[in-house]
C-alpha atoms as a PDB file:
ATOM      1  CA  MET A   1     -31.766  11.704  62.022  1.00  0.00           C
ATOM      2  CA  GLU A   2     -33.456  10.040  64.976  1.00  0.00           C
ATOM      3  CA  SER A   3     -30.762   7.345  64.960  1.00  0.00           C
ATOM      4  CA  PHE A   4     -28.089   9.918  65.802  1.00  0.00           C
ATOM      5  CA  LYS A   5     -29.755  11.143  68.986  1.00  0.00           C
ATOM      6  CA  GLY A   6     -27.766  10.406  72.127  1.00  0.00           C
ATOM      7  CA  MET A   7     -24.517   9.711  70.266  1.00  0.00           C
ATOM      8  CA  HIS A   8     -22.866  12.786  71.789  1.00  0.00           C
ATOM      9  CA  PRO A   9     -23.945  13.076  75.436  1.00  0.00           C
ATOM     10  CA  PRO A  10     -23.263  16.400  77.187  1.00  0.00           C
ATOM     11  CA  ARG A  11     -19.783  16.798  78.586  1.00  0.00           C
ATOM     12  CA  PRO A  12     -19.329  16.299  82.321  1.00  0.00           C
ATOM     13  CA  PHE A  13     -17.761  19.204  84.150  1.00  0.00           C
ATOM     14  CA  LEU A  14     -14.800  17.144  85.397  1.00  0.00           C
ATOM     15  CA  SER A  15     -12.897  14.067  84.208  1.00  0.00           C
ATOM     16  CA  ILE A  16     -10.476  12.469  86.664  1.00  0.00           C
ATOM     17  CA  VAL A  17      -7.753  10.571  84.783  1.00  0.00           C
ATOM     18  CA  ILE A  18      -5.873   8.006  86.876  1.00  0.00           C
ATOM     19  CA  PRO A  19      -3.115   5.865  85.344  1.00  0.00           C
ATOM     20  CA  PHE A  20      -2.287   2.664  87.213  1.00  0.00           C
ATOM     21  CA  TYR A  21      -0.023  -0.354  87.021  1.00  0.00           C
ATOM     22  CA  ASN A  22      -0.441  -3.217  89.514  1.00  0.00           C
ATOM     23  CA  GLU A  23      -2.352  -1.182  92.110  1.00  0.00           C
ATOM     24  CA  ALA A  24      -5.183  -3.666  92.790  1.00  0.00           C
ATOM     25  CA  GLU A  25      -5.145  -3.138  96.569  1.00  0.00           C
ATOM     26  CA  ASN A  26      -5.495   0.632  96.214  1.00  0.00           C
ATOM     27  CA  LEU A  27      -8.170   1.006  93.545  1.00  0.00           C
ATOM     28  CA  GLY A  28     -11.223   0.260  95.661  1.00  0.00           C
ATOM     29  CA  LEU A  29     -10.214   2.684  98.411  1.00  0.00           C
ATOM     30  CA  LEU A  30      -9.393   5.381  95.860  1.00  0.00           C
ATOM     31  CA  ILE A  31     -12.775   5.017  94.149  1.00  0.00           C
ATOM     32  CA  THR A  32     -14.538   5.367  97.515  1.00  0.00           C
ATOM     33  CA  GLU A  33     -12.582   8.517  98.409  1.00  0.00           C
ATOM     34  CA  LEU A  34     -13.255  10.100  95.031  1.00  0.00           C
ATOM     35  CA  ASP A  35     -16.980   9.419  95.276  1.00  0.00           C
ATOM     36  CA  LEU A  36     -17.157  11.238  98.625  1.00  0.00           C
ATOM     37  CA  VAL A  37     -15.139  14.261  97.470  1.00  0.00           C
ATOM     38  CA  LEU A  38     -16.876  14.659  94.104  1.00  0.00           C
ATOM     39  CA  GLY A  39     -20.273  14.127  95.677  1.00  0.00           C
ATOM     40  CA  ASP A  40     -19.686  16.986  98.108  1.00  0.00           C
ATOM     41  CA  LEU A  41     -18.765  19.266  95.207  1.00  0.00           C
ATOM     42  CA  GLY A  42     -22.108  18.670  93.532  1.00  0.00           C
ATOM     43  CA  ILE A  43     -20.709  18.607  89.986  1.00  0.00           C
ATOM     44  CA  SER A  44     -21.063  16.246  87.039  1.00  0.00           C
ATOM     45  CA  ALA A  45     -17.959  14.077  86.769  1.00  0.00           C
ATOM     46  CA  GLU A  46     -16.500  10.887  85.363  1.00  0.00           C
ATOM     47  CA  ILE A  47     -13.578   8.764  86.553  1.00  0.00           C
ATOM     48  CA  LEU A  48     -11.209   7.277  83.969  1.00  0.00           C
ATOM     49  CA  LEU A  49      -8.970   4.480  85.240  1.00  0.00           C
ATOM     50  CA  VAL A  50      -6.246   3.764  82.692  1.00  0.00           C
ATOM     51  CA  ASN A  51      -4.675   0.327  83.049  1.00  0.00           C
ATOM     52  CA  ASP A  52      -1.059   0.426  81.891  1.00  0.00           C
ATOM     53  CA  GLY A  53      -0.728  -3.318  81.301  1.00  0.00           C
ATOM     54  CA  SER A  54      -1.252  -4.499  84.891  1.00  0.00           C
ATOM     55  CA  THR A  55      -0.609  -8.173  85.677  1.00  0.00           C
ATOM     56  CA  ASP A  56      -2.588  -8.341  88.947  1.00  0.00           C
ATOM     57  CA  PHE A  57      -6.325  -8.897  89.332  1.00  0.00           C
ATOM     58  CA  PHE A  58      -8.726  -6.092  90.222  1.00  0.00           C
ATOM     59  CA  ASP A  59     -12.470  -5.544  90.228  1.00  0.00           C
ATOM     60  CA  ARG A  60     -13.951  -3.235  87.584  1.00  0.00           C
ATOM     61  CA  PRO A  61     -17.061  -1.534  88.969  1.00  0.00           C
ATOM     62  CA  ALA A  62     -18.984   0.401  86.317  1.00  0.00           C
ATOM     63  CA  THR A  63     -19.825   3.230  88.711  1.00  0.00           C
ATOM     64  CA  THR A  64     -19.218   4.624  92.129  1.00  0.00           C
ATOM     65  CA  PRO A  65     -22.440   5.216  94.106  1.00  0.00           C
ATOM     66  CA  ARG A  66     -22.777   8.527  92.214  1.00  0.00           C
ATOM     67  CA  PHE A  67     -20.395   8.719  89.238  1.00  0.00           C
ATOM     68  CA  PRO A  68     -19.575   6.639  86.140  1.00  0.00           C
ATOM     69  CA  ILE A  69     -16.235   4.846  85.895  1.00  0.00           C
ATOM     70  CA  ARG A  70     -14.618   4.248  82.530  1.00  0.00           C
ATOM     71  CA  TRP A  71     -11.940   1.546  82.354  1.00  0.00           C
ATOM     72  CA  ILE A  72      -9.344   1.993  79.620  1.00  0.00           C
ATOM     73  CA  ASP A  73      -6.728  -0.667  78.894  1.00  0.00           C
ATOM     74  CA  LEU A  74      -3.453  -0.075  77.067  1.00  0.00           C
ATOM     75  CA  ASP A  75      -2.480  -3.062  74.941  1.00  0.00           C
ATOM     76  CA  ARG A  76       1.001  -3.118  76.467  1.00  0.00           C
ATOM     77  CA  HIS A  77       2.848  -1.660  79.444  1.00  0.00           C
ATOM     78  CA  SER A  78       3.902   1.770  78.172  1.00  0.00           C
ATOM     79  CA  GLY A  79       4.542   3.966  81.222  1.00  0.00           C
ATOM     80  CA  GLN A  80       2.807   6.758  83.089  1.00  0.00           C
ATOM     81  CA  SER A  81       3.046   9.346  80.315  1.00  0.00           C
ATOM     82  CA  ALA A  82       1.325   7.058  77.818  1.00  0.00           C
ATOM     83  CA  ALA A  83      -1.468   6.211  80.266  1.00  0.00           C
ATOM     84  CA  ILE A  84      -2.042   9.910  81.017  1.00  0.00           C
ATOM     85  CA  TYR A  85      -1.964  10.846  77.331  1.00  0.00           C
ATOM     86  CA  PHE A  86      -4.492   8.215  76.239  1.00  0.00           C
ATOM     87  CA  GLY A  87      -6.669   8.959  79.266  1.00  0.00           C
ATOM     88  CA  ILE A  88      -6.809  12.634  78.341  1.00  0.00           C
ATOM     89  CA  GLN A  89      -7.687  11.753  74.758  1.00  0.00           C
ATOM     90  CA  GLN A  90     -10.651   9.721  76.005  1.00  0.00           C
ATOM     91  CA  ALA A  91     -11.800  12.198  78.681  1.00  0.00           C
ATOM     92  CA  ARG A  92     -14.944  14.236  77.974  1.00  0.00           C
ATOM     93  CA  GLY A  93     -14.787  16.776  80.810  1.00  0.00           C
ATOM     94  CA  MET A  94     -14.354  20.529  80.468  1.00  0.00           C
ATOM     95  CA  VAL A  95     -11.737  20.208  83.214  1.00  0.00           C
ATOM     96  CA  ILE A  96      -9.265  17.328  83.512  1.00  0.00           C
ATOM     97  CA  GLY A  97      -7.922  16.174  86.870  1.00  0.00           C
ATOM     98  CA  LEU A  98      -4.795  14.022  87.111  1.00  0.00           C
ATOM     99  CA  MET A  99      -3.692  11.916  90.067  1.00  0.00           C
ATOM    100  CA  ASP A 100      -1.870   8.709  90.957  1.00  0.00           C
ATOM    101  CA  ALA A 101      -3.610   5.479  91.956  1.00  0.00           C
ATOM    102  CA  ASP A 102      -1.322   4.642  94.893  1.00  0.00           C
ATOM    103  CA  LEU A 103      -3.349   6.687  97.466  1.00  0.00           C
ATOM    104  CA  GLN A 104      -0.420   9.027  98.116  1.00  0.00           C
ATOM    105  CA  ASN A 105      -2.334  11.878  96.441  1.00  0.00           C
ATOM    106  CA  ASP A 106      -5.291  13.002  98.558  1.00  0.00           C
ATOM    107  CA  PRO A 107      -8.574  13.517  96.644  1.00  0.00           C
ATOM    108  CA  ALA A 108      -9.621  15.946  99.387  1.00  0.00           C
ATOM    109  CA  ASP A 109      -7.255  18.495  97.795  1.00  0.00           C
ATOM    110  CA  LEU A 110      -9.286  18.587  94.565  1.00  0.00           C
ATOM    111  CA  PRO A 111     -11.824  21.254  95.683  1.00  0.00           C
ATOM    112  CA  ARG A 112      -9.046  23.772  96.424  1.00  0.00           C
ATOM    113  CA  LEU A 113      -7.313  23.062  93.130  1.00  0.00           C
ATOM    114  CA  LEU A 114     -10.553  23.477  91.187  1.00  0.00           C
ATOM    115  CA  GLU A 115     -11.486  26.658  93.021  1.00  0.00           C
ATOM    116  CA  THR A 116      -8.066  28.160  92.264  1.00  0.00           C
ATOM    117  CA  LEU A 117      -8.349  27.161  88.608  1.00  0.00           C
ATOM    118  CA  ALA A 118     -11.563  29.190  88.391  1.00  0.00           C
ATOM    119  CA  ARG A 119     -10.799  32.082  90.739  1.00  0.00           C
ATOM    120  CA  GLU A 120      -7.291  32.832  89.487  1.00  0.00           C
ATOM    121  CA  GLU A 121      -8.326  32.366  85.836  1.00  0.00           C
ATOM    122  CA  VAL A 122      -5.368  30.087  85.154  1.00  0.00           C
ATOM    123  CA  HIS A 123      -5.255  27.056  82.893  1.00  0.00           C
ATOM    124  CA  LEU A 124      -3.343  24.652  85.140  1.00  0.00           C
ATOM    125  CA  VAL A 125      -3.087  24.281  88.902  1.00  0.00           C
ATOM    126  CA  THR A 126      -0.404  21.863  90.019  1.00  0.00           C
ATOM    127  CA  GLY A 127       0.161  20.636  93.539  1.00  0.00           C
ATOM    128  CA  PHE A 128       3.429  20.686  95.399  1.00  0.00           C
ATOM    129  CA  ARG A 129       4.106  18.293  98.241  1.00  0.00           C
ATOM    130  CA  GLN A 130       5.213  20.132 101.363  1.00  0.00           C
ATOM    131  CA  ARG A 131       5.946  16.950 103.299  1.00  0.00           C
ATOM    132  CA  ARG A 132       6.839  13.953 101.174  1.00  0.00           C
ATOM    133  CA  PHE A 133       6.594  10.336 102.310  1.00  0.00           C
ATOM    134  CA  ASP A 134       9.132   8.881  99.886  1.00  0.00           C
ATOM    135  CA  SER A 135      12.590   7.376 100.226  1.00  0.00           C
ATOM    136  CA  TRP A 136      15.513   9.776 100.736  1.00  0.00           C
ATOM    137  CA  THR A 137      16.973   8.837  97.335  1.00  0.00           C
ATOM    138  CA  ARG A 138      13.721   9.678  95.610  1.00  0.00           C
ATOM    139  CA  ARG A 139      13.405  12.998  97.475  1.00  0.00           C
ATOM    140  CA  PHE A 140      17.052  13.885  96.775  1.00  0.00           C
ATOM    141  CA  THR A 141      16.982  13.152  93.043  1.00  0.00           C
ATOM    142  CA  SER A 142      13.621  14.899  92.720  1.00  0.00           C
ATOM    143  CA  LYS A 143      14.919  18.044  94.433  1.00  0.00           C
ATOM    144  CA  ILE A 144      17.949  18.245  92.147  1.00  0.00           C
ATOM    145  CA  ALA A 145      15.842  17.606  89.040  1.00  0.00           C
ATOM    146  CA  ASN A 146      13.287  20.260  90.010  1.00  0.00           C
ATOM    147  CA  CYS A 147      16.001  22.877  90.570  1.00  0.00           C
ATOM    148  CA  VAL A 148      17.722  22.187  87.243  1.00  0.00           C
ATOM    149  CA  ARG A 149      14.461  22.065  85.300  1.00  0.00           C
ATOM    150  CA  SER A 150      13.068  25.228  86.858  1.00  0.00           C
ATOM    151  CA  PHE A 151      16.311  27.121  86.147  1.00  0.00           C
ATOM    152  CA  LEU A 152      16.501  26.061  82.498  1.00  0.00           C
ATOM    153  CA  LEU A 153      12.811  26.118  81.549  1.00  0.00           C
ATOM    154  CA  LYS A 154      11.740  29.087  83.733  1.00  0.00           C
ATOM    155  CA  ASP A 155       8.441  27.388  84.616  1.00  0.00           C
ATOM    156  CA  GLN A 156       8.644  28.525  88.271  1.00  0.00           C
ATOM    157  CA  THR A 157       7.249  25.165  89.419  1.00  0.00           C
ATOM    158  CA  ARG A 158       8.845  23.668  92.491  1.00  0.00           C
ATOM    159  CA  ASP A 159       7.433  20.119  92.274  1.00  0.00           C
ATOM    160  CA  THR A 160       6.656  19.063  88.732  1.00  0.00           C
ATOM    161  CA  GLY A 161       6.704  15.426  89.863  1.00  0.00           C
ATOM    162  CA  CYS A 162       3.517  15.882  91.874  1.00  0.00           C
ATOM    163  CA  SER A 163       0.867  14.041  89.876  1.00  0.00           C
ATOM    164  CA  LEU A 164      -2.088  15.899  91.417  1.00  0.00           C
ATOM    165  CA  LYS A 165      -3.132  18.535  88.879  1.00  0.00           C
ATOM    166  CA  VAL A 166      -6.240  20.097  87.366  1.00  0.00           C
ATOM    167  CA  LEU A 167      -6.190  21.694  83.921  1.00  0.00           C
ATOM    168  CA  ARG A 168      -8.611  23.144  81.436  1.00  0.00           C
ATOM    169  CA  ARG A 169      -9.508  21.042  78.444  1.00  0.00           C
ATOM    170  CA  GLU A 170      -8.014  23.445  75.905  1.00  0.00           C
ATOM    171  CA  LEU A 171      -4.587  22.893  77.490  1.00  0.00           C
ATOM    172  CA  ALA A 172      -4.989  19.169  78.124  1.00  0.00           C
ATOM    173  CA  VAL A 173      -5.709  18.281  74.491  1.00  0.00           C
ATOM    174  CA  ARG A 174      -2.590  20.138  73.332  1.00  0.00           C
ATOM    175  CA  LEU A 175      -0.165  18.130  75.452  1.00  0.00           C
ATOM    176  CA  PRO A 176       2.097  16.075  73.150  1.00  0.00           C
ATOM    177  CA  GLY A 177       2.362  12.318  73.496  1.00  0.00           C
ATOM    178  CA  TRP A 178       5.868  11.112  74.316  1.00  0.00           C
ATOM    179  CA  ASP A 179       7.492   9.017  77.039  1.00  0.00           C
ATOM    180  CA  GLY A 180       8.338  11.366  79.921  1.00  0.00           C
ATOM    181  CA  MET A 181       5.793  14.068  79.040  1.00  0.00           C
ATOM    182  CA  HIS A 182       4.097  13.902  82.451  1.00  0.00           C
ATOM    183  CA  ARG A 183       7.204  15.334  84.173  1.00  0.00           C
ATOM    184  CA  PHE A 184       7.043  18.514  82.093  1.00  0.00           C
ATOM    185  CA  ILE A 185       3.345  19.427  81.990  1.00  0.00           C
ATOM    186  CA  PRO A 186       3.818  22.842  83.707  1.00  0.00           C
ATOM    187  CA  SER A 187       6.810  23.643  81.481  1.00  0.00           C
ATOM    188  CA  LEU A 188       4.896  22.754  78.330  1.00  0.00           C
ATOM    189  CA  ALA A 189       1.894  24.789  79.489  1.00  0.00           C
ATOM    190  CA  VAL A 190       3.997  27.904  80.047  1.00  0.00           C
ATOM    191  CA  ALA A 191       5.743  27.412  76.680  1.00  0.00           C
ATOM    192  CA  MET A 192       2.326  27.340  74.984  1.00  0.00           C
ATOM    193  CA  GLY A 193       1.332  30.631  76.612  1.00  0.00           C
ATOM    194  CA  PHE A 194      -0.999  29.224  79.283  1.00  0.00           C
ATOM    195  CA  ARG A 195      -1.085  30.425  82.882  1.00  0.00           C
ATOM    196  CA  VAL A 196      -0.044  28.173  85.766  1.00  0.00           C
ATOM    197  CA  ALA A 197      -0.481  28.317  89.544  1.00  0.00           C
ATOM    198  CA  GLU A 198       0.677  26.102  92.428  1.00  0.00           C
ATOM    199  CA  LEU A 199      -0.944  25.010  95.668  1.00  0.00           C
ATOM    200  CA  PRO A 200       0.421  22.987  98.585  1.00  0.00           C
ATOM    201  CA  VAL A 201      -1.158  19.528  98.762  1.00  0.00           C
ATOM    202  CA  HIS A 202      -1.059  16.554 101.082  1.00  0.00           C
ATOM    203  CA  HIS A 203       1.187  13.603 100.431  1.00  0.00           C
ATOM    204  CA  ARG A 204       0.425  10.330 102.188  1.00  0.00           C
ATOM    205  CA  PRO A 205       2.556   7.261 102.907  1.00  0.00           C
ATOM    206  CA  ARG A 206       2.050   4.343 100.569  1.00  0.00           C
ATOM    207  CA  ARG A 207      -0.120   1.733 102.299  1.00  0.00           C
ATOM    208  CA  PHE A 208      -0.235  -1.068  99.742  1.00  0.00           C
ATOM    209  CA  GLY A 209       1.897  -2.202  96.841  1.00  0.00           C
ATOM    210  CA  LYS A 210       5.342  -1.055  95.784  1.00  0.00           C
ATOM    211  CA  SER A 211       6.592   2.072  94.057  1.00  0.00           C
ATOM    212  CA  LYS A 212       7.474   1.582  90.398  1.00  0.00           C
ATOM    213  CA  VAL A 213       9.875   4.537  90.359  1.00  0.00           C
ATOM    214  CA  ARG A 214      13.628   3.896  90.101  1.00  0.00           C
ATOM    215  CA  PRO A 215      15.088   7.274  91.172  1.00  0.00           C
ATOM    216  CA  PHE A 216      18.499   7.235  89.495  1.00  0.00           C
ATOM    217  CA  ARG A 217      17.240   5.663  86.278  1.00  0.00           C
ATOM    218  CA  ARG A 218      14.448   8.247  86.181  1.00  0.00           C
ATOM    219  CA  ALA A 219      16.947  11.081  86.783  1.00  0.00           C
ATOM    220  CA  TRP A 220      19.018  10.000  83.759  1.00  0.00           C
ATOM    221  CA  LYS A 221      15.966   9.783  81.496  1.00  0.00           C
ATOM    222  CA  ALA A 222      14.657  13.137  82.747  1.00  0.00           C
ATOM    223  CA  THR A 223      18.002  14.801  81.955  1.00  0.00           C
ATOM    224  CA  ILE A 224      17.822  13.602  78.345  1.00  0.00           C
ATOM    225  CA  ASP A 225      14.167  14.631  78.123  1.00  0.00           C
ATOM    226  CA  LEU A 226      15.059  18.090  79.413  1.00  0.00           C
ATOM    227  CA  LEU A 227      17.167  18.749  76.328  1.00  0.00           C
ATOM    228  CA  GLY A 228      14.245  17.825  74.109  1.00  0.00           C
ATOM    229  CA  VAL A 229      11.839  20.041  76.063  1.00  0.00           C
ATOM    230  CA  LEU A 230      14.251  22.970  75.745  1.00  0.00           C
ATOM    231  CA  TRP A 231      13.985  22.575  71.967  1.00  0.00           C
ATOM    232  CA  LEU A 232      10.232  21.941  71.981  1.00  0.00           C
ATOM    233  CA  SER A 233       9.379  24.858  74.283  1.00  0.00           C
ATOM    234  CA  ARG A 234      10.945  27.316  71.839  1.00  0.00           C
ATOM    235  CA  ARG A 235       8.758  26.078  69.000  1.00  0.00           C
ATOM    236  CA  GLN A 236       5.349  25.927  70.633  1.00  0.00           C
ATOM    237  CA  PHE A 237       2.378  27.848  69.274  1.00  0.00           C
ATOM    238  CA  GLN A 238       1.362  30.527  71.756  1.00  0.00           C
ATOM    239  CA  ALA A 239      -1.754  31.467  69.814  1.00  0.00           C
ATOM    240  CA  ARG A 240      -5.132  30.231  71.050  1.00  0.00           C
ATOM    241  CA  ALA A 241      -8.432  29.761  69.224  1.00  0.00           C
ATOM    242  CA  LEU A 242     -11.097  31.878  70.973  1.00  0.00           C
ATOM    243  CA  GLU A 243     -14.819  31.833  70.286  1.00  0.00           C
ATOM    244  CA  LYS A 244     -16.654  35.085  70.991  1.00  0.00           C
ATOM    245  CA  GLY A 245     -19.698  34.830  73.184  1.00  0.00           C
ATOM    246  CA  ASN A 246     -18.607  31.479  74.634  1.00  0.00           C
ATOM    247  CA  PRO A 247     -18.787  31.878  78.452  1.00  0.00           C
ATOM    248  CA  ASP A 248     -16.178  30.450  80.781  1.00  0.00           C
ATOM    249  CA  PRO A 249     -17.696  27.234  82.205  1.00  0.00           C
ATOM    250  CA  LEU A 250     -15.595  27.635  85.356  1.00  0.00           C
ATOM    251  CA  SER A 251     -16.787  31.092  86.385  1.00  0.00           C
ATOM    252  CA  GLU A 252     -20.002  30.033  88.120  1.00  0.00           C
ATOM    253  CA  PHE A 253     -18.330  26.992  89.621  1.00  0.00           C
ATOM    254  CA  GLY A 254     -15.550  29.121  91.130  1.00  0.00           C
ATOM    255  CA  GLU A 255     -18.042  31.348  92.891  1.00  0.00           C
ATOM    256  CA  GLU A 256     -19.975  28.392  94.314  1.00  0.00           C
ATOM    257  CA  VAL A 257     -16.904  26.522  95.547  1.00  0.00           C
ATOM    258  CA  ALA A 258     -15.445  29.681  97.064  1.00  0.00           C
ATOM    259  CA  ARG A 259     -18.618  30.184  99.114  1.00  0.00           C
ATOM    260  CA  ALA A 260     -18.811  26.542 100.167  1.00  0.00           C
ATOM    261  CA  HIS A 261     -15.151  26.192 101.161  1.00  0.00           C
ATOM    262  CA  GLU A 262     -14.281  29.730 102.230  1.00  0.00           C
ATOM    263  CA  PRO A 263     -13.090  28.870 105.778  1.00  0.00           C
ATOM    264  CA  ALA A 264     -10.726  26.172 104.532  1.00  0.00           C
ATOM    265  CA  ILE A 265      -9.201  27.875 101.491  1.00  0.00           C
ATOM    266  CA  SER A 266      -5.883  29.655 101.693  1.00  0.00           C
ATOM    267  CA  PRO A 267      -4.545  31.736  98.796  1.00  0.00           C
ATOM    268  CA  PRO A 268      -2.151  30.072  96.354  1.00  0.00           C
ATOM    269  CA  CYS A 269       1.463  29.997  97.475  1.00  0.00           C
ATOM    270  CA  GLN A 270       2.614  31.055  94.054  1.00  0.00           C
ATOM    271  CA  GLY A 271       1.217  33.498  91.560  1.00  0.00           C
ATOM    272  CA  LYS A 272       0.487  33.053  87.925  1.00  0.00           C
ATOM    273  CA  VAL A 273       3.216  32.363  85.434  1.00  0.00           C
ATOM    274  CA  GLY A 274       3.095  32.348  81.688  1.00  0.00           C
ATOM    275  CA  THR A 275       1.416  34.746  79.326  1.00  0.00           C
ATOM    276  CA  GLU A 276      -2.056  35.309  78.048  1.00  0.00           C
END
């Protein structure tokens, strides 16, 4: 039995899953920002960088100054949903954080999202971008898509396209794998009976590289996907497997973060949705 020791190391508290495709100029800066933010939180964490078939060259450091980095490569370019899905499957954390690699998401928002996840006892906290630094076509198509989706799916989420999210592991591992899934994470969570909250987050201008999003093509695909999600949301299991005597790993963390960040934290702009 000695040979099996160390095969299952303890889970980190947080796994940050970051899909990327040709973002070489941004990766180093993002890793530095994450190290500073996670270090201030004082938690155990890992960073998973999921390469979605990039064709540019980038360094692959094994760690930040304080946290391990795991590099995961998809064997072909498969899109953001696939990179997120496979990243979640590989993540070991009790909480999963999602964000883009283009530096438009601000890692400094993570403490507030994590604190809300614990304090509000929800399963997913998703950001919404109050001031977006995107093209007018992208903002316009996104606004229309969000209105239609929210009306039909009743997920009460105003910006499902915001990649910055934190979610509990029990929800993350239940997300289905299909192209386009990442646009409907709040909707799927509510359909499965989980609770969701929103917080305003920063959105920064892109400094390096080019956006891979084609607004009108994405809008057409999202419309087709919406029909599938309408079907899927009506057939989700809402039951959950609970283990008696298993404490909530977020409870103590929520109290500590609330004390440390009390002056800077504002209450969520939207209440809980979904059911127990």
